[in-house]
N, C-alpha and C. Protein backbone atom coordinates (compact mmCIF):
# COMPACT_ATOMS: atom_id res chain seq x y z
N UNK A 1 126.73 70.04 12.24
CA UNK A 1 127.24 71.36 12.59
C UNK A 1 126.37 72.01 13.66
N UNK A 2 125.03 71.97 13.49
CA UNK A 2 124.12 72.57 14.47
C UNK A 2 124.25 71.86 15.81
N UNK A 3 124.42 70.55 15.78
CA UNK A 3 124.59 69.78 17.02
C UNK A 3 125.86 70.23 17.75
N UNK A 4 126.94 70.47 16.97
CA UNK A 4 128.19 70.93 17.58
C UNK A 4 128.02 72.29 18.25
N UNK A 5 127.32 73.21 17.58
CA UNK A 5 127.10 74.54 18.14
C UNK A 5 126.27 74.45 19.40
N UNK A 6 125.21 73.63 19.38
CA UNK A 6 124.38 73.45 20.57
C UNK A 6 125.22 72.92 21.73
N UNK A 7 126.12 71.99 21.43
CA UNK A 7 126.96 71.40 22.48
C UNK A 7 127.87 72.45 23.11
N UNK A 8 128.33 73.42 22.34
CA UNK A 8 129.21 74.45 22.89
C UNK A 8 128.46 75.40 23.81
N UNK A 9 127.15 75.56 23.60
CA UNK A 9 126.36 76.43 24.46
C UNK A 9 125.82 75.69 25.68
N UNK A 10 125.53 74.40 25.52
CA UNK A 10 124.96 73.62 26.62
C UNK A 10 125.97 73.55 27.77
N UNK A 11 125.53 73.93 28.92
CA UNK A 11 126.37 73.90 30.12
C UNK A 11 127.62 74.75 29.99
N UNK A 12 127.59 75.77 29.14
CA UNK A 12 128.75 76.65 29.02
C UNK A 12 128.28 78.09 29.24
N UNK A 13 128.33 78.49 30.49
CA UNK A 13 127.86 79.81 30.89
C UNK A 13 128.67 80.90 30.20
N UNK A 14 129.96 80.70 30.05
CA UNK A 14 130.83 81.72 29.44
C UNK A 14 130.41 82.01 28.00
N UNK A 15 130.10 80.96 27.22
CA UNK A 15 129.68 81.17 25.84
C UNK A 15 128.33 81.88 25.76
N UNK A 16 127.44 81.57 26.69
CA UNK A 16 126.14 82.25 26.72
C UNK A 16 126.33 83.74 27.03
N UNK A 17 127.19 84.04 27.99
CA UNK A 17 127.48 85.43 28.33
C UNK A 17 128.07 86.15 27.12
N UNK A 18 129.02 85.52 26.46
CA UNK A 18 129.64 86.11 25.27
C UNK A 18 128.59 86.35 24.19
N UNK A 19 127.75 85.36 23.93
CA UNK A 19 126.73 85.48 22.90
C UNK A 19 125.77 86.65 23.17
N UNK A 20 125.45 86.90 24.43
CA UNK A 20 124.52 87.98 24.78
C UNK A 20 125.00 89.35 24.30
N UNK A 21 126.31 89.51 24.12
CA UNK A 21 126.84 90.78 23.63
C UNK A 21 126.28 91.12 22.25
N UNK A 22 125.99 90.12 21.45
CA UNK A 22 125.47 90.36 20.09
C UNK A 22 124.07 90.98 20.14
N UNK A 23 123.09 90.39 20.83
CA UNK A 23 121.78 91.06 20.87
C UNK A 23 121.82 92.42 21.59
N UNK A 24 122.68 92.57 22.58
CA UNK A 24 122.81 93.88 23.23
C UNK A 24 123.31 94.92 22.23
N UNK A 25 124.28 94.54 21.41
CA UNK A 25 124.81 95.46 20.39
C UNK A 25 123.74 95.85 19.39
N UNK A 26 123.00 94.86 18.91
CA UNK A 26 121.95 95.13 17.94
C UNK A 26 120.86 96.00 18.56
N UNK A 27 120.50 95.74 19.80
CA UNK A 27 119.46 96.52 20.48
C UNK A 27 119.83 98.00 20.57
N UNK A 28 121.12 98.29 20.74
CA UNK A 28 121.55 99.70 20.82
C UNK A 28 121.15 100.49 19.58
N UNK A 29 121.07 99.83 18.46
CA UNK A 29 120.77 100.50 17.19
C UNK A 29 119.34 101.05 17.14
N UNK A 30 118.49 100.56 18.01
CA UNK A 30 117.09 100.95 17.97
C UNK A 30 116.73 102.08 18.95
N UNK A 31 117.74 102.61 19.63
CA UNK A 31 117.49 103.67 20.60
C UNK A 31 118.40 104.87 20.33
N UNK A 32 117.93 106.03 20.71
CA UNK A 32 118.71 107.25 20.52
C UNK A 32 120.00 107.16 21.34
N UNK A 33 121.12 107.61 20.76
CA UNK A 33 122.37 107.61 21.52
C UNK A 33 122.21 108.43 22.80
N UNK A 34 122.79 107.93 23.86
CA UNK A 34 122.81 108.58 25.17
C UNK A 34 121.44 108.56 25.85
N UNK A 35 120.46 107.85 25.29
CA UNK A 35 119.19 107.67 25.99
C UNK A 35 119.39 106.58 27.05
N UNK A 36 118.46 106.49 27.98
CA UNK A 36 118.58 105.48 29.04
C UNK A 36 118.66 104.08 28.46
N UNK A 37 117.79 103.77 27.50
CA UNK A 37 117.80 102.42 26.90
C UNK A 37 119.12 102.14 26.19
N UNK A 38 119.65 103.13 25.46
CA UNK A 38 120.94 102.96 24.80
C UNK A 38 122.01 102.59 25.82
N UNK A 39 122.08 103.36 26.92
CA UNK A 39 123.10 103.11 27.94
C UNK A 39 122.94 101.74 28.59
N UNK A 40 121.70 101.32 28.82
CA UNK A 40 121.48 100.00 29.44
C UNK A 40 122.06 98.90 28.55
N UNK A 41 121.71 98.91 27.26
CA UNK A 41 122.22 97.88 26.35
C UNK A 41 123.73 98.02 26.15
N UNK A 42 124.19 99.25 26.10
CA UNK A 42 125.60 99.50 25.91
C UNK A 42 126.43 98.93 27.07
N UNK A 43 126.02 99.26 28.29
CA UNK A 43 126.78 98.77 29.45
C UNK A 43 126.61 97.27 29.66
N UNK A 44 125.44 96.73 29.34
CA UNK A 44 125.27 95.27 29.41
C UNK A 44 126.22 94.58 28.44
N UNK A 45 126.35 95.13 27.23
CA UNK A 45 127.31 94.58 26.27
C UNK A 45 128.73 94.65 26.78
N UNK A 46 129.08 95.78 27.37
CA UNK A 46 130.43 95.94 27.93
C UNK A 46 130.70 95.00 29.08
N UNK A 47 129.71 94.81 29.93
CA UNK A 47 129.88 93.91 31.08
C UNK A 47 130.08 92.48 30.61
N UNK A 48 129.34 92.06 29.57
CA UNK A 48 129.53 90.70 29.06
C UNK A 48 130.95 90.51 28.53
N UNK A 49 131.51 91.58 27.95
CA UNK A 49 132.88 91.49 27.43
C UNK A 49 133.89 91.36 28.57
N UNK A 50 133.60 91.99 29.67
CA UNK A 50 134.52 91.94 30.82
C UNK A 50 134.45 90.59 31.52
N UNK A 51 133.24 90.08 31.72
CA UNK A 51 133.11 88.89 32.57
C UNK A 51 133.17 87.56 31.85
N UNK A 52 132.98 87.53 30.52
CA UNK A 52 132.96 86.22 29.84
C UNK A 52 134.28 85.47 29.99
N UNK A 53 135.39 86.16 29.83
CA UNK A 53 136.69 85.50 29.97
C UNK A 53 136.97 85.07 31.41
N UNK A 54 136.57 85.89 32.35
CA UNK A 54 136.75 85.56 33.76
C UNK A 54 135.96 84.30 34.10
N UNK A 55 134.69 84.27 33.67
CA UNK A 55 133.84 83.11 33.92
C UNK A 55 134.42 81.86 33.23
N UNK A 56 134.89 82.01 32.00
CA UNK A 56 135.45 80.86 31.28
C UNK A 56 136.65 80.27 32.03
N UNK A 57 137.52 81.15 32.52
CA UNK A 57 138.70 80.66 33.25
C UNK A 57 138.31 80.04 34.59
N UNK A 58 137.44 80.69 35.33
CA UNK A 58 137.05 80.20 36.66
C UNK A 58 136.30 78.87 36.58
N UNK A 59 135.48 78.72 35.52
CA UNK A 59 134.66 77.51 35.39
C UNK A 59 135.30 76.48 34.46
N UNK A 60 136.54 76.76 34.04
CA UNK A 60 137.27 75.86 33.14
C UNK A 60 136.47 75.58 31.87
N UNK A 61 135.92 76.66 31.28
CA UNK A 61 135.10 76.54 30.07
C UNK A 61 135.76 77.22 28.87
N UNK A 62 137.07 77.39 28.93
CA UNK A 62 137.78 78.00 27.80
C UNK A 62 137.73 77.04 26.62
N UNK A 63 137.52 77.60 25.43
CA UNK A 63 137.45 76.75 24.23
C UNK A 63 137.81 77.58 23.01
N UNK A 64 138.17 76.89 21.94
CA UNK A 64 138.44 77.55 20.67
C UNK A 64 137.16 78.21 20.17
N UNK A 65 136.03 77.51 20.29
CA UNK A 65 134.75 78.09 19.89
C UNK A 65 134.46 79.36 20.67
N UNK A 66 134.71 79.34 21.98
CA UNK A 66 134.48 80.52 22.82
C UNK A 66 135.35 81.69 22.40
N UNK A 67 136.60 81.43 22.05
CA UNK A 67 137.50 82.50 21.59
C UNK A 67 137.01 83.10 20.29
N UNK A 68 136.55 82.24 19.37
CA UNK A 68 136.01 82.74 18.09
C UNK A 68 134.73 83.54 18.33
N UNK A 69 133.86 83.00 19.18
CA UNK A 69 132.61 83.68 19.50
C UNK A 69 132.88 85.05 20.12
N UNK A 70 133.88 85.13 20.99
CA UNK A 70 134.26 86.41 21.62
C UNK A 70 134.70 87.41 20.55
N UNK A 71 135.49 86.98 19.60
CA UNK A 71 135.94 87.86 18.52
C UNK A 71 134.77 88.33 17.67
N UNK A 72 133.85 87.43 17.36
CA UNK A 72 132.67 87.79 16.56
C UNK A 72 131.80 88.78 17.34
N UNK A 73 131.59 88.51 18.62
CA UNK A 73 130.77 89.41 19.45
C UNK A 73 131.42 90.79 19.56
N UNK A 74 132.73 90.83 19.71
CA UNK A 74 133.45 92.10 19.74
C UNK A 74 133.28 92.85 18.43
N UNK A 75 133.37 92.13 17.33
CA UNK A 75 133.23 92.73 16.00
C UNK A 75 131.82 93.31 15.81
N UNK A 76 130.79 92.56 16.20
CA UNK A 76 129.41 93.03 16.09
C UNK A 76 129.21 94.27 16.96
N UNK A 77 129.75 94.26 18.16
CA UNK A 77 129.62 95.41 19.06
C UNK A 77 130.31 96.64 18.45
N UNK A 78 131.50 96.45 17.90
CA UNK A 78 132.23 97.56 17.26
C UNK A 78 131.46 98.10 16.05
N UNK A 79 130.89 97.22 15.25
CA UNK A 79 130.10 97.65 14.08
C UNK A 79 128.87 98.43 14.55
N UNK A 80 128.22 97.97 15.62
CA UNK A 80 127.04 98.68 16.13
C UNK A 80 127.42 100.09 16.58
N UNK A 81 128.54 100.22 17.28
CA UNK A 81 129.00 101.55 17.72
C UNK A 81 129.32 102.41 16.49
N UNK A 82 129.94 101.82 15.50
CA UNK A 82 130.26 102.56 14.28
C UNK A 82 128.98 103.06 13.59
N UNK A 83 127.97 102.21 13.54
CA UNK A 83 126.70 102.61 12.92
C UNK A 83 126.06 103.76 13.70
N UNK A 84 126.07 103.65 15.01
CA UNK A 84 125.52 104.73 15.84
C UNK A 84 126.29 106.03 15.58
N UNK A 85 127.61 105.94 15.51
CA UNK A 85 128.42 107.15 15.28
C UNK A 85 128.14 107.76 13.91
N UNK A 86 128.09 106.92 12.87
CA UNK A 86 127.87 107.42 11.51
C UNK A 86 126.48 108.07 11.39
N UNK A 87 125.50 107.48 12.03
CA UNK A 87 124.15 108.03 11.98
C UNK A 87 124.01 109.37 12.69
N UNK A 88 124.84 109.61 13.70
CA UNK A 88 124.58 110.73 14.60
C UNK A 88 125.64 111.82 14.66
N UNK A 89 126.79 111.60 14.01
CA UNK A 89 127.87 112.58 14.10
C UNK A 89 128.42 112.90 12.71
N UNK A 90 128.91 114.12 12.56
CA UNK A 90 129.56 114.53 11.32
C UNK A 90 131.07 114.49 11.57
N UNK A 91 131.75 113.63 10.81
CA UNK A 91 133.20 113.49 10.96
C UNK A 91 133.91 114.26 9.84
N UNK A 92 135.05 114.88 10.15
CA UNK A 92 135.83 115.53 9.08
C UNK A 92 136.38 114.48 8.11
N UNK A 93 136.65 114.90 6.89
CA UNK A 93 137.15 113.99 5.84
C UNK A 93 138.43 113.28 6.27
N UNK A 94 139.38 113.99 6.89
CA UNK A 94 140.64 113.36 7.29
C UNK A 94 140.40 112.22 8.28
N UNK A 95 139.37 112.36 9.11
CA UNK A 95 139.07 111.31 10.07
C UNK A 95 138.46 110.11 9.36
N UNK A 96 137.59 110.38 8.37
CA UNK A 96 137.05 109.28 7.57
C UNK A 96 138.16 108.51 6.87
N UNK A 97 139.14 109.23 6.35
CA UNK A 97 140.27 108.56 5.67
C UNK A 97 141.03 107.66 6.64
N UNK A 98 141.25 108.14 7.84
CA UNK A 98 141.96 107.34 8.85
C UNK A 98 141.13 106.12 9.26
N UNK A 99 139.85 106.31 9.46
CA UNK A 99 138.97 105.19 9.82
C UNK A 99 138.94 104.15 8.70
N UNK A 100 138.84 104.59 7.47
CA UNK A 100 138.83 103.67 6.33
C UNK A 100 140.16 102.92 6.19
N UNK A 101 141.27 103.61 6.45
CA UNK A 101 142.58 102.95 6.42
C UNK A 101 142.66 101.84 7.47
N UNK A 102 142.21 102.13 8.68
CA UNK A 102 142.22 101.13 9.75
C UNK A 102 141.32 99.95 9.37
N UNK A 103 140.12 100.24 8.86
CA UNK A 103 139.20 99.17 8.44
C UNK A 103 139.81 98.32 7.32
N UNK A 104 140.45 98.97 6.36
CA UNK A 104 141.09 98.24 5.26
C UNK A 104 142.21 97.34 5.78
N UNK A 105 143.04 97.86 6.68
CA UNK A 105 144.12 97.05 7.25
C UNK A 105 143.55 95.86 8.04
N UNK A 106 142.46 96.08 8.77
CA UNK A 106 141.80 94.97 9.50
C UNK A 106 141.32 93.91 8.51
N UNK A 107 140.68 94.33 7.45
CA UNK A 107 140.19 93.37 6.45
C UNK A 107 141.33 92.61 5.80
N UNK A 108 142.42 93.30 5.49
CA UNK A 108 143.60 92.64 4.92
C UNK A 108 144.13 91.61 5.91
N UNK A 109 144.21 92.00 7.17
CA UNK A 109 144.68 91.09 8.20
C UNK A 109 143.79 89.85 8.29
N UNK A 110 142.46 90.05 8.31
CA UNK A 110 141.55 88.91 8.39
C UNK A 110 141.67 88.03 7.15
N UNK A 111 141.87 88.64 6.00
CA UNK A 111 142.06 87.87 4.77
C UNK A 111 143.33 87.03 4.82
N UNK A 112 144.43 87.64 5.26
CA UNK A 112 145.69 86.90 5.39
C UNK A 112 145.53 85.77 6.40
N UNK A 113 144.90 86.08 7.54
CA UNK A 113 144.69 85.06 8.56
C UNK A 113 143.84 83.91 8.06
N UNK A 114 142.79 84.23 7.32
CA UNK A 114 141.93 83.17 6.78
C UNK A 114 142.69 82.33 5.75
N UNK A 115 143.47 82.98 4.91
CA UNK A 115 144.25 82.27 3.90
C UNK A 115 145.29 81.36 4.56
N UNK A 116 145.99 81.87 5.57
CA UNK A 116 147.05 81.08 6.23
C UNK A 116 146.51 79.98 7.13
N UNK A 117 145.44 80.29 7.89
CA UNK A 117 145.01 79.38 8.95
C UNK A 117 143.64 78.74 8.69
N UNK A 118 143.00 79.12 7.58
CA UNK A 118 141.71 78.55 7.17
C UNK A 118 140.61 78.74 8.22
N UNK A 119 140.67 79.85 8.93
CA UNK A 119 139.66 80.20 9.92
C UNK A 119 139.72 81.70 10.18
N UNK A 120 138.70 82.22 10.82
CA UNK A 120 138.71 83.62 11.23
C UNK A 120 139.80 83.77 12.28
N UNK A 121 140.77 84.63 12.02
CA UNK A 121 141.97 84.71 12.86
C UNK A 121 142.12 86.08 13.51
N UNK A 122 141.35 86.31 14.56
CA UNK A 122 141.47 87.54 15.33
C UNK A 122 142.27 87.23 16.58
N UNK A 123 143.24 88.08 16.89
CA UNK A 123 144.13 87.83 18.03
C UNK A 123 143.69 88.63 19.25
N UNK A 124 143.92 88.05 20.42
CA UNK A 124 143.56 88.71 21.68
C UNK A 124 144.79 89.38 22.28
N UNK A 125 145.36 90.33 21.55
CA UNK A 125 146.55 91.02 22.03
C UNK A 125 146.17 92.08 23.06
N UNK A 126 147.16 92.53 23.82
CA UNK A 126 146.91 93.61 24.77
C UNK A 126 146.43 94.87 24.04
N UNK A 127 147.04 95.16 22.90
CA UNK A 127 146.66 96.36 22.14
C UNK A 127 145.21 96.26 21.66
N UNK A 128 144.79 95.08 21.23
CA UNK A 128 143.40 94.90 20.81
C UNK A 128 142.45 95.05 22.00
N UNK A 129 142.86 94.56 23.16
CA UNK A 129 142.04 94.70 24.36
C UNK A 129 141.93 96.17 24.76
N UNK A 130 143.04 96.91 24.68
CA UNK A 130 143.01 98.35 24.99
C UNK A 130 142.10 99.07 24.01
N UNK A 131 142.19 98.71 22.73
CA UNK A 131 141.31 99.31 21.72
C UNK A 131 139.85 99.03 22.06
N UNK A 132 139.56 97.80 22.45
CA UNK A 132 138.20 97.44 22.82
C UNK A 132 137.69 98.23 24.02
N UNK A 133 138.55 98.38 25.03
CA UNK A 133 138.17 99.17 26.22
C UNK A 133 137.89 100.62 25.82
N UNK A 134 138.77 101.19 25.00
CA UNK A 134 138.58 102.58 24.57
C UNK A 134 137.33 102.72 23.70
N UNK A 135 137.06 101.74 22.85
CA UNK A 135 135.84 101.77 22.05
C UNK A 135 134.63 101.73 22.97
N UNK A 136 134.70 100.86 23.97
CA UNK A 136 133.61 100.78 24.94
C UNK A 136 133.44 102.11 25.67
N UNK A 137 134.54 102.78 25.96
CA UNK A 137 134.48 104.06 26.68
C UNK A 137 134.19 105.25 25.76
N UNK A 138 134.09 105.03 24.46
CA UNK A 138 133.93 106.13 23.50
C UNK A 138 132.76 107.06 23.81
N UNK A 139 131.58 106.57 24.12
CA UNK A 139 130.51 107.52 24.43
C UNK A 139 130.81 108.38 25.65
N UNK A 140 131.42 107.79 26.65
CA UNK A 140 131.79 108.55 27.85
C UNK A 140 132.89 109.55 27.50
N UNK A 141 133.88 109.10 26.72
CA UNK A 141 134.96 110.00 26.30
C UNK A 141 134.41 111.15 25.47
N UNK A 142 133.42 110.86 24.62
CA UNK A 142 132.80 111.90 23.80
C UNK A 142 132.19 112.99 24.70
N UNK A 143 131.47 112.56 25.72
CA UNK A 143 130.85 113.52 26.64
C UNK A 143 131.93 114.34 27.35
N UNK A 144 133.04 113.70 27.72
CA UNK A 144 134.10 114.39 28.48
C UNK A 144 135.02 115.23 27.60
N UNK A 145 135.42 114.70 26.43
CA UNK A 145 136.48 115.33 25.64
C UNK A 145 136.04 115.88 24.28
N UNK A 146 134.85 115.51 23.82
CA UNK A 146 134.39 115.95 22.51
C UNK A 146 134.72 114.94 21.43
N UNK A 147 134.16 115.21 20.26
CA UNK A 147 134.25 114.27 19.14
C UNK A 147 135.66 114.11 18.59
N UNK A 148 136.34 115.19 18.33
CA UNK A 148 137.65 115.11 17.67
C UNK A 148 138.69 114.45 18.57
N UNK A 149 138.79 114.87 19.82
CA UNK A 149 139.78 114.28 20.73
C UNK A 149 139.51 112.79 20.92
N UNK A 150 138.26 112.43 21.12
CA UNK A 150 137.91 111.01 21.29
C UNK A 150 138.26 110.22 20.03
N UNK A 151 137.94 110.77 18.88
CA UNK A 151 138.20 110.09 17.61
C UNK A 151 139.70 109.90 17.37
N UNK A 152 140.48 110.92 17.66
CA UNK A 152 141.93 110.83 17.46
C UNK A 152 142.52 109.76 18.39
N UNK A 153 142.13 109.77 19.66
CA UNK A 153 142.63 108.77 20.61
C UNK A 153 142.28 107.37 20.12
N UNK A 154 141.02 107.16 19.75
CA UNK A 154 140.59 105.85 19.27
C UNK A 154 141.34 105.42 18.01
N UNK A 155 141.50 106.34 17.07
CA UNK A 155 142.16 105.99 15.81
C UNK A 155 143.64 105.67 16.00
N UNK A 156 144.32 106.42 16.83
CA UNK A 156 145.75 106.16 17.06
C UNK A 156 145.93 104.78 17.68
N UNK A 157 145.14 104.48 18.70
CA UNK A 157 145.27 103.17 19.38
C UNK A 157 144.81 102.05 18.45
N UNK A 158 143.71 102.25 17.73
CA UNK A 158 143.21 101.23 16.81
C UNK A 158 144.20 100.96 15.68
N UNK A 159 144.84 102.02 15.16
CA UNK A 159 145.83 101.85 14.11
C UNK A 159 147.01 101.03 14.62
N UNK A 160 147.50 101.36 15.82
CA UNK A 160 148.63 100.63 16.39
C UNK A 160 148.28 99.16 16.62
N UNK A 161 147.09 98.89 17.15
CA UNK A 161 146.71 97.50 17.42
C UNK A 161 146.49 96.73 16.11
N UNK A 162 145.95 97.41 15.11
CA UNK A 162 145.74 96.77 13.80
C UNK A 162 147.06 96.43 13.14
N UNK A 163 147.98 97.37 13.19
CA UNK A 163 149.31 97.15 12.60
C UNK A 163 150.03 96.01 13.33
N UNK A 164 149.96 96.00 14.66
CA UNK A 164 150.59 94.92 15.43
C UNK A 164 149.99 93.57 15.06
N UNK A 165 148.66 93.49 14.97
CA UNK A 165 148.02 92.22 14.65
C UNK A 165 148.38 91.77 13.23
N UNK A 166 148.46 92.71 12.31
CA UNK A 166 148.85 92.38 10.93
C UNK A 166 150.26 91.81 10.89
N UNK A 167 151.19 92.43 11.59
CA UNK A 167 152.57 91.93 11.64
C UNK A 167 152.62 90.54 12.26
N UNK A 168 151.89 90.35 13.38
CA UNK A 168 151.87 89.04 14.04
C UNK A 168 151.27 87.97 13.12
N UNK A 169 150.21 88.31 12.41
CA UNK A 169 149.57 87.35 11.52
C UNK A 169 150.50 86.97 10.38
N UNK A 170 151.18 87.94 9.82
CA UNK A 170 152.12 87.66 8.72
C UNK A 170 153.29 86.81 9.20
N UNK A 171 153.82 87.11 10.39
CA UNK A 171 155.01 86.42 10.88
C UNK A 171 154.73 85.04 11.47
N UNK A 172 153.51 84.79 11.95
CA UNK A 172 153.20 83.55 12.66
C UNK A 172 153.14 82.36 11.72
N UNK A 173 153.68 81.26 12.19
CA UNK A 173 153.62 80.00 11.44
C UNK A 173 152.31 79.26 11.73
N UNK A 174 151.79 79.46 12.96
CA UNK A 174 150.51 78.86 13.33
C UNK A 174 149.69 79.88 14.11
N UNK A 175 148.38 79.68 14.11
CA UNK A 175 147.48 80.63 14.75
C UNK A 175 147.59 80.53 16.27
N UNK A 176 147.92 81.63 16.89
CA UNK A 176 147.99 81.71 18.36
C UNK A 176 147.11 82.88 18.79
N UNK A 177 145.83 82.58 19.00
CA UNK A 177 144.84 83.63 19.30
C UNK A 177 145.19 84.43 20.55
N UNK A 178 145.81 83.81 21.51
CA UNK A 178 146.10 84.49 22.78
C UNK A 178 147.50 85.10 22.83
N UNK A 179 148.08 85.37 21.68
CA UNK A 179 149.36 86.06 21.63
C UNK A 179 149.15 87.45 22.24
N UNK A 180 149.95 87.82 23.21
CA UNK A 180 149.73 89.06 23.95
C UNK A 180 150.25 90.31 23.26
N UNK A 181 151.37 90.18 22.57
CA UNK A 181 151.97 91.36 21.95
C UNK A 181 153.09 90.93 21.01
N UNK A 182 153.43 91.82 20.13
CA UNK A 182 154.58 91.58 19.26
C UNK A 182 155.88 91.54 20.09
N UNK A 183 155.83 92.16 21.25
CA UNK A 183 156.99 92.22 22.13
C UNK A 183 157.05 91.07 23.12
N UNK A 184 155.93 90.35 23.30
CA UNK A 184 155.86 89.22 24.22
C UNK A 184 155.43 88.00 23.42
N UNK A 185 156.38 87.09 23.15
CA UNK A 185 156.02 85.93 22.33
C UNK A 185 156.42 84.66 22.97
């Protein structure tokens, strides 16, 4: 198993770029939000998310392992942002309920995907990509629009993308990670 993992990283620039998002996400946790160090790690994590897929396609390094690694790195980055938010902001109860509902639906989706396909089954839909972009933009949106407006925008889009992925996972006969939308099949 370790040999297989090493082989996926050796001579695979895209996987290395993707993997770097994980330490960047963890590093953000050690700095005050909106500090220079926080922003450096935050934007480095975001840049790796933007360029890893481009590099993989240009260098013909697309792989199932790379797709899984991208999903894991996205998940770690999202959890790091959530930890930063919980540590530093007071959310109203209704917002907590909405966030917990979205998290529960995501967990149900991952459980169904694992049961059906025997692997971590996160889809790269357009809605999930939009959610990721908005999550990445959350600190900037917070500065521009405030906590409640940013939270509502994120929750509405995240709920829609979660619901779409859940429907796709339930309906799919086989795992198609790059399914773009429930409307494009």
